[in-house]
Amino acid sequence: MELTDKIEFDHRDRQDIYEYVESHGASRPEKIRQSLNLGERAFGHHTAILRRDGILEEVGGKLRIAFDSGAEEEFEAEDVEFKIRQAREEDLTGLVGAIRQAIGGGEYVNAETVADVIDSEGVLLRHNELESRMFFVATVNGEVVGWVHLKHPEIEKLSHTAELTVGVLEEYRGNNIGSHLLERGLEWASSQGFEKIYNSIPATNEAAISFLEERGWQEEARREDHYKMGGNSIDEVMMATDI
């Protein structure tokens, strides 16, 4: 299932099952069935259809939303070997921790907001009438050390755009992990039909701005005194790239 696909259900029970998984994250089938008060035969039939149609998938005994996100990629830098893949629900705790550690100075407000949202909701992936979001992660020995996140508002006038955040733990920087994450995120966004990607950053985060500028991003707008940080007024810099 592609993130930009509009899901149309021809049976209310299938829609209810999907919406439960979308809202609660990967869940045991029996828990879903009992929560929705569905009979075993009906539930089995509807989940089989949802899996057949590529809407849900069962992994590790749990049903979760199925996204066509490409294969896991392996990379070798001078100091470290790492993998990049789509995030899984079981990555949630490690991903939230990685984001918060990577933005330690508080100069990446959008990423901080992303961490707060997924931590409070307890769900990584979203695909509903309000918004959709996708994560890819970089892992070393199975541990999340970086991420790229894309958020797509389900509004027709903005259907060609998405917001992006990207970051890597400080001790793993300098190994091109951030570059590979950014490339993976943009490749995926292009495959989904997006045309423009945004990333809004406080003007004090010069390293992040330079990182994007070196990769062809441009400053498209600036909101003066948008943030209050440490008692100071800080501009917001909106970076953008066409894909």
Protein backbone atom coordinates (compact mmCIF):
# COMPACT_ATOMS: atom_id res chain seq x y z
CA MET A 1 0.00 0.00 0.00
CA GLU A 2 1.35 3.43 -0.89
CA LEU A 3 1.04 6.24 1.60
CA THR A 4 -0.80 8.46 -0.86
CA ASP A 5 -3.34 5.79 -1.73
CA LYS A 6 -6.91 6.59 -0.69
CA ILE A 7 -8.28 3.52 1.04
CA GLU A 8 -11.87 2.69 0.20
CA PHE A 9 -13.50 -0.07 2.20
CA ASP A 10 -16.45 -2.04 0.87
CA HIS A 11 -17.32 -3.42 4.30
CA ARG A 12 -17.63 -1.56 7.59
CA ASP A 13 -15.94 -4.31 9.62
CA ARG A 14 -12.81 -4.08 7.46
CA GLN A 15 -12.72 -0.35 7.98
CA ASP A 16 -13.11 -0.84 11.73
CA ILE A 17 -10.23 -3.34 11.82
CA TYR A 18 -7.97 -1.05 9.82
CA GLU A 19 -8.83 1.99 11.94
CA TYR A 20 -8.12 0.04 15.12
CA VAL A 21 -4.64 -0.92 13.89
CA GLU A 22 -4.02 2.59 12.57
CA SER A 23 -4.95 4.05 15.93
CA HIS A 24 -3.34 1.50 18.26
CA GLY A 25 -0.35 0.31 16.25
CA ALA A 26 0.66 -3.31 15.71
CA SER A 27 -1.75 -5.47 17.72
CA ARG A 28 -2.53 -9.11 18.39
CA PRO A 29 -5.42 -10.29 16.18
CA GLU A 30 -7.37 -11.69 19.12
CA LYS A 31 -7.14 -8.38 20.97
CA ILE A 32 -8.45 -6.55 17.91
CA ARG A 33 -11.27 -9.07 17.43
CA GLN A 34 -12.39 -8.85 21.05
CA SER A 35 -12.15 -5.06 21.11
CA LEU A 36 -14.38 -4.84 18.03
CA ASN A 37 -16.71 -7.61 19.24
CA LEU A 38 -16.40 -9.57 16.00
CA GLY A 39 -16.99 -13.28 15.53
CA GLU A 40 -13.96 -15.45 14.80
CA ARG A 41 -15.10 -16.45 11.32
CA ALA A 42 -16.00 -12.91 10.24
CA PHE A 43 -12.82 -11.47 11.70
CA GLY A 44 -10.68 -14.11 10.00
CA HIS A 45 -12.36 -13.44 6.67
CA HIS A 46 -11.97 -9.66 6.84
CA THR A 47 -8.34 -9.73 7.99
CA ALA A 48 -7.53 -12.18 5.19
CA ILE A 49 -8.98 -9.69 2.68
CA LEU A 50 -7.04 -6.81 4.24
CA ARG A 51 -3.80 -8.80 4.01
CA ARG A 52 -4.57 -9.93 0.46
CA ASP A 53 -5.11 -6.33 -0.62
CA GLY A 54 -1.84 -5.17 0.95
CA ILE A 55 -3.53 -2.97 3.54
CA LEU A 56 -2.46 -4.92 6.62
CA GLU A 57 0.34 -7.41 7.18
CA GLU A 58 1.02 -9.85 10.00
CA VAL A 59 4.51 -9.83 11.48
CA GLY A 60 5.54 -11.49 14.72
CA GLY A 61 1.97 -12.50 15.48
CA LYS A 62 0.67 -8.92 15.21
CA LEU A 63 -1.30 -7.10 12.54
CA ARG A 64 0.13 -3.79 11.38
CA ILE A 65 -0.33 -1.37 8.50
CA ALA A 66 1.52 -2.51 5.39
CA PHE A 67 3.57 0.06 3.51
CA ASP A 68 5.56 -0.57 0.34
CA SER A 69 8.77 1.11 1.51
CA GLY A 70 11.58 -0.76 -0.20
CA ALA A 71 14.20 -3.13 1.12
CA GLU A 72 16.64 -2.82 3.99
CA GLU A 73 19.94 -1.34 2.80
CA GLU A 74 23.37 -1.99 4.30
CA PHE A 75 26.22 0.53 4.32
CA GLU A 76 29.80 0.45 5.51
CA ALA A 77 31.61 3.63 6.57
CA GLU A 78 35.16 3.93 7.83
CA ASP A 79 34.14 3.63 11.46
CA VAL A 80 30.80 1.84 11.44
CA GLU A 81 28.44 -0.48 9.57
CA PHE A 82 24.80 0.54 9.53
CA LYS A 83 21.47 -0.35 7.97
CA ILE A 84 18.62 1.83 6.76
CA ARG A 85 15.06 0.51 6.65
CA GLN A 86 11.48 1.48 7.31
CA ALA A 87 10.79 1.94 11.00
CA ARG A 88 8.70 -0.71 12.74
CA GLU A 89 6.31 -0.28 15.62
CA GLU A 90 8.80 -2.07 17.87
CA ASP A 91 11.32 0.71 17.13
CA LEU A 92 9.10 3.31 18.81
CA THR A 93 10.88 3.58 22.16
CA GLY A 94 14.34 3.53 20.63
CA LEU A 95 13.35 6.05 17.98
CA VAL A 96 11.87 8.50 20.48
CA GLY A 97 15.02 8.18 22.57
CA ALA A 98 17.27 8.72 19.56
CA ILE A 99 15.38 11.83 18.47
CA ARG A 100 15.50 13.37 21.92
CA GLN A 101 19.17 12.57 22.38
CA ALA A 102 20.09 13.87 18.92
CA ILE A 103 18.32 17.20 19.46
CA GLY A 104 19.69 17.59 22.98
CA GLY A 105 20.27 21.35 22.63
CA GLY A 106 16.62 21.94 21.74
CA GLU A 107 17.49 23.55 18.40
CA TYR A 108 15.37 21.26 16.27
CA VAL A 109 11.85 22.14 17.36
CA ASN A 110 9.98 20.14 14.70
CA ALA A 111 11.87 16.97 15.57
CA GLU A 112 11.14 17.52 19.25
CA THR A 113 7.45 17.83 18.40
CA VAL A 114 7.58 14.61 16.36
CA ALA A 115 9.09 12.76 19.33
CA ASP A 116 6.42 14.10 21.68
CA VAL A 117 3.59 13.13 19.31
CA ILE A 118 4.62 9.55 18.62
CA ASP A 119 5.52 9.01 22.28
CA SER A 120 2.10 10.20 23.47
CA GLU A 121 0.18 8.35 20.73
CA GLY A 122 2.24 5.16 20.97
CA VAL A 123 2.01 4.71 17.20
CA LEU A 124 4.72 5.31 14.57
CA LEU A 125 2.93 5.11 11.23
CA ARG A 126 -0.21 7.01 10.34
CA HIS A 127 -2.44 6.94 7.28
CA ASN A 128 -5.87 8.46 7.82
CA GLU A 129 -8.08 11.29 6.62
CA LEU A 130 -6.10 13.87 8.60
CA GLU A 131 -2.45 13.01 8.06
CA SER A 132 0.01 10.35 7.03
CA ARG A 133 3.54 9.85 8.28
CA MET A 134 6.46 7.58 7.47
CA PHE A 135 9.75 6.90 9.24
CA PHE A 136 12.98 5.33 8.06
CA VAL A 137 15.68 4.56 10.60
CA ALA A 138 19.40 3.92 10.59
CA THR A 139 20.46 1.12 12.91
CA VAL A 140 23.79 -0.11 14.26
CA ASN A 141 23.67 -3.59 15.75
CA GLY A 142 19.88 -3.33 15.80
CA GLU A 143 19.82 -0.04 17.74
CA VAL A 144 18.31 3.13 16.24
CA VAL A 145 20.99 5.79 15.72
CA GLY A 146 19.23 8.07 13.22
CA TRP A 147 15.95 8.75 11.49
CA VAL A 148 14.19 10.52 8.65
CA HIS A 149 10.52 11.35 9.10
CA LEU A 150 8.02 12.53 6.50
CA LYS A 151 4.63 13.95 7.37
CA HIS A 152 1.98 14.45 4.71
CA PRO A 153 -1.16 16.48 5.48
CA GLU A 154 -4.25 14.96 3.89
CA ILE A 155 -5.35 18.28 2.37
CA GLU A 156 -5.91 18.43 -1.38
CA LYS A 157 -4.18 21.79 -1.84
CA LEU A 158 -1.07 20.44 -0.09
CA SER A 159 -1.18 16.94 -1.56
CA HIS A 160 2.10 17.49 -3.43
CA THR A 161 4.05 18.46 -0.30
CA ALA A 162 5.48 16.83 2.81
CA GLU A 163 7.41 17.96 5.87
CA LEU A 164 10.68 16.24 6.74
CA THR A 165 12.92 15.93 9.75
CA VAL A 166 16.22 14.06 9.82
CA GLY A 167 18.88 13.49 12.48
CA VAL A 168 21.66 11.24 13.73
CA LEU A 169 23.08 10.64 17.19
CA GLU A 170 26.14 12.82 17.72
CA GLU A 171 28.58 9.94 18.18
CA TYR A 172 27.62 8.51 14.77
CA ARG A 173 27.87 11.72 12.77
CA GLY A 174 30.55 12.01 10.12
CA ASN A 175 29.75 8.60 8.60
CA ASN A 176 27.31 9.83 5.94
CA ILE A 177 24.39 8.30 7.85
CA GLY A 178 22.42 11.53 7.65
CA SER A 179 23.06 11.81 3.92
CA HIS A 180 21.87 8.25 3.28
CA LEU A 181 18.78 8.79 5.44
CA LEU A 182 17.93 12.01 3.62
CA GLU A 183 18.42 10.33 0.25
CA ARG A 184 16.22 7.39 1.26
CA GLY A 185 13.49 9.72 2.47
CA LEU A 186 13.53 11.82 -0.69
CA GLU A 187 13.59 8.76 -2.96
CA TRP A 188 10.55 7.40 -1.17
CA ALA A 189 8.78 10.78 -1.30
CA SER A 190 9.40 10.98 -5.04
CA SER A 191 8.01 7.48 -5.53
CA GLN A 192 4.86 8.59 -3.70
CA GLY A 193 4.32 11.53 -6.06
CA PHE A 194 5.37 14.37 -3.76
CA GLU A 195 6.90 17.38 -5.49
CA LYS A 196 8.17 19.62 -2.71
CA ILE A 197 9.62 18.82 0.71
CA TYR A 198 9.97 21.28 3.59
CA ASN A 199 12.05 21.40 6.76
CA SER A 200 11.65 24.28 9.22
CA ILE A 201 14.59 24.98 11.52
CA PRO A 202 15.49 27.66 14.10
CA ALA A 203 18.07 30.03 12.63
CA THR A 204 20.47 29.15 15.45
CA ASN A 205 20.76 25.57 14.16
CA GLU A 206 23.44 26.49 11.66
CA ALA A 207 24.72 22.92 11.32
CA ALA A 208 21.32 21.64 10.14
CA ILE A 209 20.88 24.54 7.73
CA SER A 210 24.36 23.98 6.27
CA PHE A 211 23.69 20.24 5.98
CA LEU A 212 20.62 20.88 3.84
CA GLU A 213 22.17 23.71 1.79
CA GLU A 214 25.10 21.46 0.88
CA ARG A 215 22.56 19.02 -0.55
CA GLY A 216 20.73 21.52 -2.70
CA TRP A 217 18.05 22.76 -0.32
CA GLN A 218 17.26 26.48 -0.33
CA GLU A 219 15.89 28.93 2.18
CA GLU A 220 12.39 29.67 0.94
CA ALA A 221 10.99 31.78 3.75
CA ARG A 222 11.87 33.15 7.18
CA ARG A 223 9.58 34.00 10.08
CA GLU A 224 11.19 36.55 12.34
CA ASP A 225 11.21 35.96 16.11
CA HIS A 226 9.10 32.83 15.66
CA TYR A 227 10.68 30.92 18.57
CA LYS A 228 11.41 31.88 22.15
CA MET A 229 14.48 29.91 23.25
CA GLY A 230 16.48 30.61 26.36
CA GLY A 231 14.81 33.98 26.69
CA ASN A 232 15.80 34.96 23.14
CA SER A 233 13.69 35.49 20.05
CA ILE A 234 14.84 33.22 17.19
CA ASP A 235 13.88 33.27 13.52
CA GLU A 236 12.41 30.19 11.88
CA VAL A 237 14.09 29.26 8.58
CA MET A 238 11.95 27.30 6.14
CA MET A 239 14.14 25.17 3.91
CA ALA A 240 12.71 23.46 0.84
CA THR A 241 13.69 21.26 -2.08
CA ASP A 242 11.91 20.17 -5.24
CA ILE A 243 12.00 16.48 -6.11
